[in-house]
Amino acid sequence: MKKILCGVDLGGTKLAIGLVETNGIVIDKTIVFDHTTKNDDDVIRQIRDIIHNLLRSNNLKEKSIGGIGVVFPGHIRSREGVTITSSNIKGFKNFPLKREIEKYFDVEVITDNDANAQAYGEFRFGAGVGYDNLIFATISSGVGAGIIIDGKIYRGITGTAGEFGHMIVDPHGELKCGCGNYGCLMTFTCGHALGKIFKKYLLDGMVTKLQIDENVSASDIDGKVLKKGLELNDELTKKVVDQCARYLGIGLYNLFQMFNPPLFVLGGGLMYLGKYFFDQIKYHFYSYAQDMLFDDVHFNLSKLREDAGIIGAASLILESQ
């Protein structure tokens, strides 16, 4: 019987788990949002139950699974399967993620950073097909990057390469990052940061076409609100989005100078802001690049989109073979 793969995307705002064919097609999936209210052990049991339910609803047995890939939104020692810490999810500090899931399943379990896995998924099945070298950047509740060199994930000496969001882009930055530093790229570009920046401008007296005022909670100013603002051609929204794009352009240009990839793939929830945001990121990137680079580096949007985490996690099993 042909084996299937299981991908577990343990995210900062959602837990997405899917059954995936070896060609990257998602057979079935479940997405929940209540895992953030649970302790670490309860989340592991929730993962167990969701996988069992998916197998049951598709008339499959555990022996049908060729492996389980699990991705984590933060620092993780991928070889050992131990999470270190994350700015995007509570708990899971020095947690033996691989070992705890293996307690419930008699199959191979591989863990990695979410951006690494998504990069490999895009390389194998998505916007990076045809490229042996690329960088995938995810811009969502967190910001990270996965680096593919010669068809393999580059993890670095500690297994934590690609922490793009913790690149210092302004040592005088006002917002403190979850890692403890000031000036991290994430503090200018992730979804949570944009809400705080938007509200600060409201408090400073700027006006908006959106039906919100300075009493709004920063956490309520999410990607959907910003997308609506762009549709209304709201100047405040454009100011926030343009600033985000400028910092992303700086960060991506720095990555380009270090790794010189032919392709950047951009994904994550904030990329749903649309063409304006995508074009602004490219504009700021190229404003730092020399003219000779214009034809040498390309930008693609993620093709795996909302399934990038699930497919990327599942593809870790293929990368290990």
C-alpha atoms as a PDB file:
ATOM      1  CA  MET A   1       0.000   0.000   0.000  1.00  0.00           C
ATOM      2  CA  LYS A   2       1.271   3.470  -0.900  1.00  0.00           C
ATOM      3  CA  LYS A   3       2.345   5.396   2.187  1.00  0.00           C
ATOM      4  CA  ILE A   4       1.011   8.838   3.016  1.00  0.00           C
ATOM      5  CA  LEU A   5       2.665  11.573   5.042  1.00  0.00           C
ATOM      6  CA  CYS A   6       1.370  13.591   7.963  1.00  0.00           C
ATOM      7  CA  GLY A   7       2.216  17.261   8.389  1.00  0.00           C
ATOM      8  CA  VAL A   8       1.751  19.116  11.685  1.00  0.00           C
ATOM      9  CA  ASP A   9       2.002  22.918  11.588  1.00  0.00           C
ATOM     10  CA  LEU A  10       2.213  24.084  15.200  1.00  0.00           C
ATOM     11  CA  GLY A  11       1.770  27.819  14.754  1.00  0.00           C
ATOM     12  CA  GLY A  12       1.442  30.888  16.902  1.00  0.00           C
ATOM     13  CA  THR A  13      -2.243  31.390  16.086  1.00  0.00           C
ATOM     14  CA  LYS A  14      -3.368  28.075  14.618  1.00  0.00           C
ATOM     15  CA  LEU A  15      -2.637  24.366  14.719  1.00  0.00           C
ATOM     16  CA  ALA A  16      -3.013  22.809  11.269  1.00  0.00           C
ATOM     17  CA  ILE A  17      -2.620  19.086  10.656  1.00  0.00           C
ATOM     18  CA  GLY A  18      -3.031  17.273   7.361  1.00  0.00           C
ATOM     19  CA  LEU A  19      -2.592  13.999   5.544  1.00  0.00           C
ATOM     20  CA  VAL A  20      -0.472  14.524   2.444  1.00  0.00           C
ATOM     21  CA  GLU A  21       0.365  12.342  -0.534  1.00  0.00           C
ATOM     22  CA  THR A  22       4.019  12.002  -1.522  1.00  0.00           C
ATOM     23  CA  ASN A  23       3.330  14.283  -4.507  1.00  0.00           C
ATOM     24  CA  GLY A  24       2.368  17.131  -2.180  1.00  0.00           C
ATOM     25  CA  ILE A  25      -1.416  16.855  -2.535  1.00  0.00           C
ATOM     26  CA  VAL A  26      -3.322  17.396   0.714  1.00  0.00           C
ATOM     27  CA  ILE A  27      -5.827  14.582   1.237  1.00  0.00           C
ATOM     28  CA  ASP A  28      -7.530  16.021   4.306  1.00  0.00           C
ATOM     29  CA  LYS A  29      -6.746  18.519   7.047  1.00  0.00           C
ATOM     30  CA  THR A  30      -7.953  19.941  10.336  1.00  0.00           C
ATOM     31  CA  ILE A  31      -7.302  23.453  11.622  1.00  0.00           C
ATOM     32  CA  VAL A  32      -7.947  24.569  15.208  1.00  0.00           C
ATOM     33  CA  PHE A  33      -7.217  27.765  17.095  1.00  0.00           C
ATOM     34  CA  ASP A  34      -7.690  26.759  20.731  1.00  0.00           C
ATOM     35  CA  HIS A  35      -4.256  25.186  21.224  1.00  0.00           C
ATOM     36  CA  THR A  36      -2.920  28.499  22.506  1.00  0.00           C
ATOM     37  CA  THR A  37      -5.042  28.085  25.658  1.00  0.00           C
ATOM     38  CA  LYS A  38      -3.573  24.656  26.485  1.00  0.00           C
ATOM     39  CA  ASN A  39      -0.383  23.571  28.214  1.00  0.00           C
ATOM     40  CA  ASP A  40       2.359  21.787  26.288  1.00  0.00           C
ATOM     41  CA  ASP A  41       1.289  18.238  27.167  1.00  0.00           C
ATOM     42  CA  ASP A  42      -2.340  18.943  26.292  1.00  0.00           C
ATOM     43  CA  VAL A  43      -1.286  20.290  22.889  1.00  0.00           C
ATOM     44  CA  ILE A  44       0.600  17.049  22.222  1.00  0.00           C
ATOM     45  CA  ARG A  45      -2.509  15.044  23.110  1.00  0.00           C
ATOM     46  CA  GLN A  46      -4.551  17.333  20.867  1.00  0.00           C
ATOM     47  CA  ILE A  47      -2.156  16.607  17.991  1.00  0.00           C
ATOM     48  CA  ARG A  48      -2.499  12.877  18.689  1.00  0.00           C
ATOM     49  CA  ASP A  49      -6.293  13.040  18.662  1.00  0.00           C
ATOM     50  CA  ILE A  50      -6.482  15.093  15.467  1.00  0.00           C
ATOM     51  CA  ILE A  51      -4.200  12.673  13.607  1.00  0.00           C
ATOM     52  CA  HIS A  52      -6.268   9.709  14.805  1.00  0.00           C
ATOM     53  CA  ASN A  53      -9.491  11.442  13.724  1.00  0.00           C
ATOM     54  CA  LEU A  54      -8.069  12.246  10.282  1.00  0.00           C
ATOM     55  CA  LEU A  55      -7.014   8.629   9.796  1.00  0.00           C
ATOM     56  CA  ARG A  56     -10.390   7.363  10.960  1.00  0.00           C
ATOM     57  CA  SER A  57     -12.402   9.704   8.733  1.00  0.00           C
ATOM     58  CA  ASN A  58     -10.350   8.626   5.701  1.00  0.00           C
ATOM     59  CA  ASN A  59     -10.537   4.890   6.513  1.00  0.00           C
ATOM     60  CA  LEU A  60      -6.799   4.694   7.072  1.00  0.00           C
ATOM     61  CA  LYS A  61      -4.687   2.876   9.647  1.00  0.00           C
ATOM     62  CA  GLU A  62      -1.620   4.215  11.416  1.00  0.00           C
ATOM     63  CA  LYS A  63       0.541   1.835   9.386  1.00  0.00           C
ATOM     64  CA  SER A  64      -0.482   3.850   6.312  1.00  0.00           C
ATOM     65  CA  ILE A  65       1.656   6.761   7.543  1.00  0.00           C
ATOM     66  CA  GLY A  66       5.198   6.914   6.202  1.00  0.00           C
ATOM     67  CA  GLY A  67       6.218   9.544   8.735  1.00  0.00           C
ATOM     68  CA  ILE A  68       5.107  12.620  10.665  1.00  0.00           C
ATOM     69  CA  GLY A  69       6.711  16.009  10.124  1.00  0.00           C
ATOM     70  CA  VAL A  70       6.192  18.652  12.810  1.00  0.00           C
ATOM     71  CA  VAL A  71       7.109  22.313  12.416  1.00  0.00           C
ATOM     72  CA  PHE A  72       7.589  24.871  15.184  1.00  0.00           C
ATOM     73  CA  PRO A  73       7.551  28.701  14.913  1.00  0.00           C
ATOM     74  CA  GLY A  74      10.836  29.403  16.624  1.00  0.00           C
ATOM     75  CA  HIS A  75      14.221  28.068  17.645  1.00  0.00           C
ATOM     76  CA  ILE A  76      14.399  24.288  17.596  1.00  0.00           C
ATOM     77  CA  ARG A  77      17.251  21.793  17.659  1.00  0.00           C
ATOM     78  CA  SER A  78      15.876  19.882  14.720  1.00  0.00           C
ATOM     79  CA  ARG A  79      18.182  16.881  14.946  1.00  0.00           C
ATOM     80  CA  GLU A  80      17.184  16.186  18.548  1.00  0.00           C
ATOM     81  CA  GLY A  81      13.631  17.429  18.098  1.00  0.00           C
ATOM     82  CA  VAL A  82      13.836  19.767  21.087  1.00  0.00           C
ATOM     83  CA  THR A  83      12.248  23.211  20.945  1.00  0.00           C
ATOM     84  CA  ILE A  84      14.266  26.024  22.494  1.00  0.00           C
ATOM     85  CA  THR A  85      11.952  29.024  22.558  1.00  0.00           C
ATOM     86  CA  SER A  86       9.639  31.082  20.381  1.00  0.00           C
ATOM     87  CA  SER A  87       8.465  34.681  20.290  1.00  0.00           C
ATOM     88  CA  ASN A  88       5.191  33.535  18.717  1.00  0.00           C
ATOM     89  CA  ILE A  89       3.850  30.761  20.928  1.00  0.00           C
ATOM     90  CA  LYS A  90       3.557  30.333  24.677  1.00  0.00           C
ATOM     91  CA  GLY A  91       5.321  27.489  26.399  1.00  0.00           C
ATOM     92  CA  PHE A  92       7.412  24.868  24.602  1.00  0.00           C
ATOM     93  CA  LYS A  93      10.674  26.023  26.166  1.00  0.00           C
ATOM     94  CA  ASN A  94      13.287  23.263  25.963  1.00  0.00           C
ATOM     95  CA  PHE A  95      10.476  20.839  25.151  1.00  0.00           C
ATOM     96  CA  PRO A  96      11.197  17.357  23.674  1.00  0.00           C
ATOM     97  CA  LEU A  97       8.658  17.709  20.865  1.00  0.00           C
ATOM     98  CA  LYS A  98       9.860  14.755  18.793  1.00  0.00           C
ATOM     99  CA  ARG A  99      10.029  12.363  21.754  1.00  0.00           C
ATOM    100  CA  GLU A 100       6.596  13.310  23.081  1.00  0.00           C
ATOM    101  CA  ILE A 101       4.874  12.706  19.730  1.00  0.00           C
ATOM    102  CA  GLU A 102       6.755   9.438  19.223  1.00  0.00           C
ATOM    103  CA  LYS A 103       5.127   8.177  22.426  1.00  0.00           C
ATOM    104  CA  TYR A 104       1.853   7.892  20.520  1.00  0.00           C
ATOM    105  CA  PHE A 105       2.963   6.808  17.040  1.00  0.00           C
ATOM    106  CA  ASP A 106       5.195   3.992  15.869  1.00  0.00           C
ATOM    107  CA  VAL A 107       6.479   5.968  12.868  1.00  0.00           C
ATOM    108  CA  GLU A 108       9.363   8.308  12.099  1.00  0.00           C
ATOM    109  CA  VAL A 109       8.869  11.816  13.492  1.00  0.00           C
ATOM    110  CA  ILE A 110      10.951  14.701  12.147  1.00  0.00           C
ATOM    111  CA  THR A 111      10.821  18.225  13.548  1.00  0.00           C
ATOM    112  CA  ASP A 112      12.070  21.541  12.219  1.00  0.00           C
ATOM    113  CA  ASN A 113      11.504  25.267  12.154  1.00  0.00           C
ATOM    114  CA  ASP A 114       8.366  26.220  10.217  1.00  0.00           C
ATOM    115  CA  ALA A 115      10.143  28.441   7.683  1.00  0.00           C
ATOM    116  CA  ASN A 116      12.701  25.724   6.897  1.00  0.00           C
ATOM    117  CA  ALA A 117       9.943  23.241   6.182  1.00  0.00           C
ATOM    118  CA  GLN A 118       7.915  25.692   4.121  1.00  0.00           C
ATOM    119  CA  ALA A 119      11.017  26.508   2.085  1.00  0.00           C
ATOM    120  CA  TYR A 120      11.519  22.829   1.310  1.00  0.00           C
ATOM    121  CA  GLY A 121       7.849  22.399   0.480  1.00  0.00           C
ATOM    122  CA  GLU A 122       8.000  25.275  -2.020  1.00  0.00           C
ATOM    123  CA  PHE A 123      11.233  23.865  -3.458  1.00  0.00           C
ATOM    124  CA  ARG A 124       9.701  20.425  -3.881  1.00  0.00           C
ATOM    125  CA  PHE A 125       6.103  21.196  -4.841  1.00  0.00           C
ATOM    126  CA  GLY A 126       5.475  24.926  -5.123  1.00  0.00           C
ATOM    127  CA  ALA A 127       6.880  28.243  -6.303  1.00  0.00           C
ATOM    128  CA  GLY A 128      10.482  27.023  -6.112  1.00  0.00           C
ATOM    129  CA  VAL A 129      10.199  24.064  -8.466  1.00  0.00           C
ATOM    130  CA  GLY A 130      13.097  24.224 -10.927  1.00  0.00           C
ATOM    131  CA  TYR A 131      15.447  26.036  -8.530  1.00  0.00           C
ATOM    132  CA  ASP A 132      18.148  24.284  -6.494  1.00  0.00           C
ATOM    133  CA  ASN A 133      18.815  27.414  -4.440  1.00  0.00           C
ATOM    134  CA  LEU A 134      16.223  29.742  -2.942  1.00  0.00           C
ATOM    135  CA  ILE A 135      15.155  31.585   0.179  1.00  0.00           C
ATOM    136  CA  PHE A 136      11.601  31.383   1.468  1.00  0.00           C
ATOM    137  CA  ALA A 137      10.453  34.211   3.739  1.00  0.00           C
ATOM    138  CA  THR A 138       7.280  33.943   5.777  1.00  0.00           C
ATOM    139  CA  ILE A 139       5.609  37.151   6.953  1.00  0.00           C
ATOM    140  CA  SER A 140       2.766  36.485   9.351  1.00  0.00           C
ATOM    141  CA  SER A 141       2.337  36.540  13.140  1.00  0.00           C
ATOM    142  CA  GLY A 142       6.084  35.933  13.054  1.00  0.00           C
ATOM    143  CA  VAL A 143       8.784  36.514  10.455  1.00  0.00           C
ATOM    144  CA  GLY A 144      11.278  33.861   9.419  1.00  0.00           C
ATOM    145  CA  ALA A 145      13.232  32.450   6.510  1.00  0.00           C
ATOM    146  CA  GLY A 146      14.138  29.039   5.195  1.00  0.00           C
ATOM    147  CA  ILE A 147      17.262  28.628   3.071  1.00  0.00           C
ATOM    148  CA  ILE A 148      17.635  25.968   0.389  1.00  0.00           C
ATOM    149  CA  ILE A 149      21.157  25.356  -0.913  1.00  0.00           C
ATOM    150  CA  ASP A 150      21.748  22.694  -3.566  1.00  0.00           C
ATOM    151  CA  GLY A 151      18.334  21.203  -2.870  1.00  0.00           C
ATOM    152  CA  LYS A 152      18.838  20.819   0.876  1.00  0.00           C
ATOM    153  CA  ILE A 153      17.716  22.842   3.889  1.00  0.00           C
ATOM    154  CA  TYR A 154      20.578  24.888   5.299  1.00  0.00           C
ATOM    155  CA  ARG A 155      20.251  24.732   9.090  1.00  0.00           C
ATOM    156  CA  GLY A 156      23.623  26.042  10.259  1.00  0.00           C
ATOM    157  CA  ILE A 157      25.831  24.772  13.058  1.00  0.00           C
ATOM    158  CA  THR A 158      23.150  25.056  15.768  1.00  0.00           C
ATOM    159  CA  GLY A 159      20.247  24.094  13.527  1.00  0.00           C
ATOM    160  CA  THR A 160      18.693  27.547  13.856  1.00  0.00           C
ATOM    161  CA  ALA A 161      19.773  29.264  10.613  1.00  0.00           C
ATOM    162  CA  GLY A 162      17.207  31.484   8.927  1.00  0.00           C
ATOM    163  CA  GLU A 163      15.931  33.418  11.952  1.00  0.00           C
ATOM    164  CA  PHE A 164      15.295  36.301   9.583  1.00  0.00           C
ATOM    165  CA  GLY A 165      12.887  38.031  11.970  1.00  0.00           C
ATOM    166  CA  HIS A 166      15.633  38.536  14.551  1.00  0.00           C
ATOM    167  CA  MET A 167      17.968  40.336  12.173  1.00  0.00           C
ATOM    168  CA  ILE A 168      18.680  43.739  13.762  1.00  0.00           C
ATOM    169  CA  VAL A 169      17.615  46.422  11.286  1.00  0.00           C
ATOM    170  CA  ASP A 170      17.362  49.382  13.678  1.00  0.00           C
ATOM    171  CA  PRO A 171      19.277  49.290  16.997  1.00  0.00           C
ATOM    172  CA  HIS A 172      17.201  52.279  18.122  1.00  0.00           C
ATOM    173  CA  GLY A 173      13.863  50.573  17.486  1.00  0.00           C
ATOM    174  CA  GLU A 174      11.134  51.417  19.995  1.00  0.00           C
ATOM    175  CA  LEU A 175       9.328  48.069  20.178  1.00  0.00           C
ATOM    176  CA  LYS A 176      10.842  45.259  22.222  1.00  0.00           C
ATOM    177  CA  CYS A 177      10.953  41.895  20.485  1.00  0.00           C
ATOM    178  CA  GLY A 178       9.860  38.711  22.220  1.00  0.00           C
ATOM    179  CA  CYS A 179      13.510  37.628  22.141  1.00  0.00           C
ATOM    180  CA  GLY A 180      14.404  40.557  24.407  1.00  0.00           C
ATOM    181  CA  ASN A 181      16.161  42.725  21.831  1.00  0.00           C
ATOM    182  CA  TYR A 182      15.124  46.019  20.283  1.00  0.00           C
ATOM    183  CA  GLY A 183      15.291  46.650  16.558  1.00  0.00           C
ATOM    184  CA  CYS A 184      14.559  43.128  15.300  1.00  0.00           C
ATOM    185  CA  LEU A 185      13.018  43.016  11.836  1.00  0.00           C
ATOM    186  CA  MET A 186       9.998  41.289  13.347  1.00  0.00           C
ATOM    187  CA  THR A 187       9.157  44.365  15.432  1.00  0.00           C
ATOM    188  CA  PHE A 188       8.570  46.320  12.213  1.00  0.00           C
ATOM    189  CA  THR A 189       6.996  43.678  10.008  1.00  0.00           C
ATOM    190  CA  CYS A 190       4.994  40.947  11.768  1.00  0.00           C
ATOM    191  CA  GLY A 191       1.218  41.154  12.102  1.00  0.00           C
ATOM    192  CA  HIS A 192       1.278  41.994  15.812  1.00  0.00           C
ATOM    193  CA  ALA A 193       3.789  44.782  15.261  1.00  0.00           C
ATOM    194  CA  LEU A 194       1.783  46.383  12.464  1.00  0.00           C
ATOM    195  CA  GLY A 195      -1.238  46.650  14.750  1.00  0.00           C
ATOM    196  CA  LYS A 196       0.861  48.428  17.384  1.00  0.00           C
ATOM    197  CA  ILE A 197       2.403  50.764  14.806  1.00  0.00           C
ATOM    198  CA  PHE A 198      -1.014  51.579  13.312  1.00  0.00           C
ATOM    199  CA  LYS A 199      -2.441  52.414  16.740  1.00  0.00           C
ATOM    200  CA  LYS A 200       0.561  54.603  17.583  1.00  0.00           C
ATOM    201  CA  TYR A 201      -0.141  56.697  14.482  1.00  0.00           C
ATOM    202  CA  LEU A 202      -3.796  56.978  15.529  1.00  0.00           C
ATOM    203  CA  LEU A 203      -2.743  58.195  18.974  1.00  0.00           C
ATOM    204  CA  ASP A 204      -0.422  60.709  17.287  1.00  0.00           C
ATOM    205  CA  GLY A 205      -3.456  62.216  15.565  1.00  0.00           C
ATOM    206  CA  MET A 206      -3.414  60.636  12.128  1.00  0.00           C
ATOM    207  CA  VAL A 207      -6.834  59.921  10.613  1.00  0.00           C
ATOM    208  CA  THR A 208      -8.070  56.864   8.774  1.00  0.00           C
ATOM    209  CA  LYS A 209     -10.937  55.984   6.452  1.00  0.00           C
ATOM    210  CA  LEU A 210     -11.425  52.786   8.423  1.00  0.00           C
ATOM    211  CA  GLN A 211     -14.189  52.691  11.030  1.00  0.00           C
ATOM    212  CA  ILE A 212     -11.779  52.599  13.966  1.00  0.00           C
ATOM    213  CA  ASP A 213     -10.341  55.164  16.368  1.00  0.00           C
ATOM    214  CA  GLU A 214      -7.563  55.447  18.943  1.00  0.00           C
ATOM    215  CA  ASN A 215      -9.538  53.293  21.410  1.00  0.00           C
ATOM    216  CA  VAL A 216      -9.171  50.213  19.232  1.00  0.00           C
ATOM    217  CA  SER A 217      -7.017  47.381  20.541  1.00  0.00           C
ATOM    218  CA  ALA A 218      -3.809  46.938  18.561  1.00  0.00           C
ATOM    219  CA  SER A 219      -4.519  43.199  18.382  1.00  0.00           C
ATOM    220  CA  ASP A 220      -7.732  43.931  16.463  1.00  0.00           C
ATOM    221  CA  ILE A 221      -5.817  45.684  13.682  1.00  0.00           C
ATOM    222  CA  ASP A 222      -4.989  42.533  11.761  1.00  0.00           C
ATOM    223  CA  GLY A 223      -4.291  41.628   8.156  1.00  0.00           C
ATOM    224  CA  LYS A 224      -7.973  41.809   7.216  1.00  0.00           C
ATOM    225  CA  VAL A 225      -8.213  45.352   8.553  1.00  0.00           C
ATOM    226  CA  LEU A 226      -5.072  46.419   6.704  1.00  0.00           C
ATOM    227  CA  LYS A 227      -6.295  44.815   3.485  1.00  0.00           C
ATOM    228  CA  LYS A 228      -9.549  46.756   3.787  1.00  0.00           C
ATOM    229  CA  GLY A 229      -7.543  49.934   4.345  1.00  0.00           C
ATOM    230  CA  LEU A 230      -5.561  49.341   1.163  1.00  0.00           C
ATOM    231  CA  GLU A 231      -8.785  48.770  -0.767  1.00  0.00           C
ATOM    232  CA  LEU A 232     -10.023  52.144   0.520  1.00  0.00           C
ATOM    233  CA  ASN A 233      -6.713  53.785  -0.459  1.00  0.00           C
ATOM    234  CA  ASP A 234      -6.359  54.822   3.183  1.00  0.00           C
ATOM    235  CA  GLU A 235      -3.229  56.914   3.681  1.00  0.00           C
ATOM    236  CA  LEU A 236      -2.577  55.679   7.219  1.00  0.00           C
ATOM    237  CA  THR A 237      -2.802  52.053   6.136  1.00  0.00           C
ATOM    238  CA  LYS A 238      -0.482  52.708   3.209  1.00  0.00           C
ATOM    239  CA  LYS A 239       2.003  54.419   5.539  1.00  0.00           C
ATOM    240  CA  VAL A 240       2.089  51.368   7.832  1.00  0.00           C
ATOM    241  CA  VAL A 241       2.281  48.869   4.968  1.00  0.00           C
ATOM    242  CA  ASP A 242       4.944  50.888   3.127  1.00  0.00           C
ATOM    243  CA  GLN A 243       7.105  51.029   6.250  1.00  0.00           C
ATOM    244  CA  CYS A 244       6.734  47.275   6.675  1.00  0.00           C
ATOM    245  CA  ALA A 245       7.685  46.704   3.032  1.00  0.00           C
ATOM    246  CA  ARG A 246      10.721  48.976   3.384  1.00  0.00           C
ATOM    247  CA  TYR A 247      12.104  47.007   6.311  1.00  0.00           C
ATOM    248  CA  LEU A 248      11.396  43.716   4.552  1.00  0.00           C
ATOM    249  CA  GLY A 249      13.230  45.045   1.510  1.00  0.00           C
ATOM    250  CA  ILE A 250      16.231  45.831   3.719  1.00  0.00           C
ATOM    251  CA  GLY A 251      16.157  42.395   5.326  1.00  0.00           C
ATOM    252  CA  LEU A 252      15.799  40.537   2.044  1.00  0.00           C
ATOM    253  CA  TYR A 253      18.588  42.574   0.487  1.00  0.00           C
ATOM    254  CA  ASN A 254      20.853  41.634   3.394  1.00  0.00           C
ATOM    255  CA  LEU A 255      19.999  37.961   2.831  1.00  0.00           C
ATOM    256  CA  PHE A 256      20.724  38.394  -0.868  1.00  0.00           C
ATOM    257  CA  GLN A 257      24.169  39.789  -0.151  1.00  0.00           C
ATOM    258  CA  MET A 258      24.951  36.849   2.131  1.00  0.00           C
ATOM    259  CA  PHE A 259      23.504  33.944   0.128  1.00  0.00           C
ATOM    260  CA  ASN A 260      23.056  35.333  -3.404  1.00  0.00           C
ATOM    261  CA  PRO A 261      19.985  33.208  -4.253  1.00  0.00           C
ATOM    262  CA  PRO A 262      18.317  33.399  -7.675  1.00  0.00           C
ATOM    263  CA  LEU A 263      14.855  33.277  -6.094  1.00  0.00           C
ATOM    264  CA  PHE A 264      12.929  34.587  -3.110  1.00  0.00           C
ATOM    265  CA  VAL A 265       9.562  33.006  -2.356  1.00  0.00           C
ATOM    266  CA  LEU A 266       7.324  35.097  -0.107  1.00  0.00           C
ATOM    267  CA  GLY A 267       4.528  33.571   1.938  1.00  0.00           C
ATOM    268  CA  GLY A 268       2.631  33.873   5.200  1.00  0.00           C
ATOM    269  CA  GLY A 269      -0.630  35.521   6.161  1.00  0.00           C
ATOM    270  CA  LEU A 270       0.427  39.117   5.501  1.00  0.00           C
ATOM    271  CA  MET A 271       1.123  38.355   1.850  1.00  0.00           C
ATOM    272  CA  TYR A 272      -2.662  38.244   1.465  1.00  0.00           C
ATOM    273  CA  LEU A 273      -2.452  42.032   1.588  1.00  0.00           C
ATOM    274  CA  GLY A 274      -2.036  41.631  -2.139  1.00  0.00           C
ATOM    275  CA  LYS A 275      -0.156  43.017  -5.100  1.00  0.00           C
ATOM    276  CA  TYR A 276       0.467  46.473  -3.610  1.00  0.00           C
ATOM    277  CA  PHE A 277       2.382  45.005  -0.657  1.00  0.00           C
ATOM    278  CA  PHE A 278       4.261  42.507  -2.836  1.00  0.00           C
ATOM    279  CA  ASP A 279       5.274  45.237  -5.287  1.00  0.00           C
ATOM    280  CA  GLN A 280       6.410  47.566  -2.487  1.00  0.00           C
ATOM    281  CA  ILE A 281       8.656  44.865  -1.019  1.00  0.00           C
ATOM    282  CA  LYS A 282      10.282  44.347  -4.414  1.00  0.00           C
ATOM    283  CA  TYR A 283      10.572  48.095  -4.974  1.00  0.00           C
ATOM    284  CA  HIS A 284      12.474  48.617  -1.727  1.00  0.00           C
ATOM    285  CA  PHE A 285      14.663  45.560  -2.317  1.00  0.00           C
ATOM    286  CA  TYR A 286      15.686  46.779  -5.757  1.00  0.00           C
ATOM    287  CA  SER A 287      16.247  50.310  -4.461  1.00  0.00           C
ATOM    288  CA  TYR A 288      19.236  48.906  -2.551  1.00  0.00           C
ATOM    289  CA  ALA A 289      20.383  46.568  -5.315  1.00  0.00           C
ATOM    290  CA  GLN A 290      22.685  47.533  -8.166  1.00  0.00           C
ATOM    291  CA  ASP A 291      21.141  47.729 -11.628  1.00  0.00           C
ATOM    292  CA  MET A 292      23.063  44.655 -12.716  1.00  0.00           C
ATOM    293  CA  LEU A 293      21.085  42.545 -10.226  1.00  0.00           C
ATOM    294  CA  PHE A 294      17.640  43.257 -11.645  1.00  0.00           C
ATOM    295  CA  ASP A 295      17.643  40.305 -14.025  1.00  0.00           C
ATOM    296  CA  ASP A 296      19.503  37.961 -11.694  1.00  0.00           C
ATOM    297  CA  VAL A 297      17.097  37.607  -8.782  1.00  0.00           C
ATOM    298  CA  HIS A 298      13.393  36.826  -8.931  1.00  0.00           C
ATOM    299  CA  PHE A 299      10.458  36.981  -6.537  1.00  0.00           C
ATOM    300  CA  ASN A 300       7.563  34.525  -6.455  1.00  0.00           C
ATOM    301  CA  LEU A 301       4.566  34.324  -4.181  1.00  0.00           C
ATOM    302  CA  SER A 302       4.009  31.055  -2.362  1.00  0.00           C
ATOM    303  CA  LYS A 303       2.025  28.552  -4.422  1.00  0.00           C
ATOM    304  CA  LEU A 304       1.262  26.372  -1.417  1.00  0.00           C
ATOM    305  CA  ARG A 305      -0.311  29.356   0.361  1.00  0.00           C
ATOM    306  CA  GLU A 306      -2.366  28.359   3.422  1.00  0.00           C
ATOM    307  CA  ASP A 307      -1.197  24.736   3.116  1.00  0.00           C
ATOM    308  CA  ALA A 308       2.499  25.654   3.082  1.00  0.00           C
ATOM    309  CA  GLY A 309       2.969  24.649   6.716  1.00  0.00           C
ATOM    310  CA  ILE A 310       1.239  21.283   6.382  1.00  0.00           C
ATOM    311  CA  ILE A 311       2.906  20.376   3.083  1.00  0.00           C
ATOM    312  CA  GLY A 312       6.267  21.679   4.268  1.00  0.00           C
ATOM    313  CA  ALA A 313       6.050  19.644   7.463  1.00  0.00           C
ATOM    314  CA  ALA A 314       5.139  16.503   5.538  1.00  0.00           C
ATOM    315  CA  SER A 315       7.938  17.104   3.036  1.00  0.00           C
ATOM    316  CA  LEU A 316      10.498  16.877   5.865  1.00  0.00           C
ATOM    317  CA  ILE A 317      10.044  13.110   5.649  1.00  0.00           C
ATOM    318  CA  LEU A 318      11.036  13.220   1.979  1.00  0.00           C
ATOM    319  CA  GLU A 319      14.020  15.501   2.672  1.00  0.00           C
ATOM    320  CA  SER A 320      15.367  13.010   5.198  1.00  0.00           C
ATOM    321  CA  GLN A 321      15.335  10.096   2.740  1.00  0.00           C
END
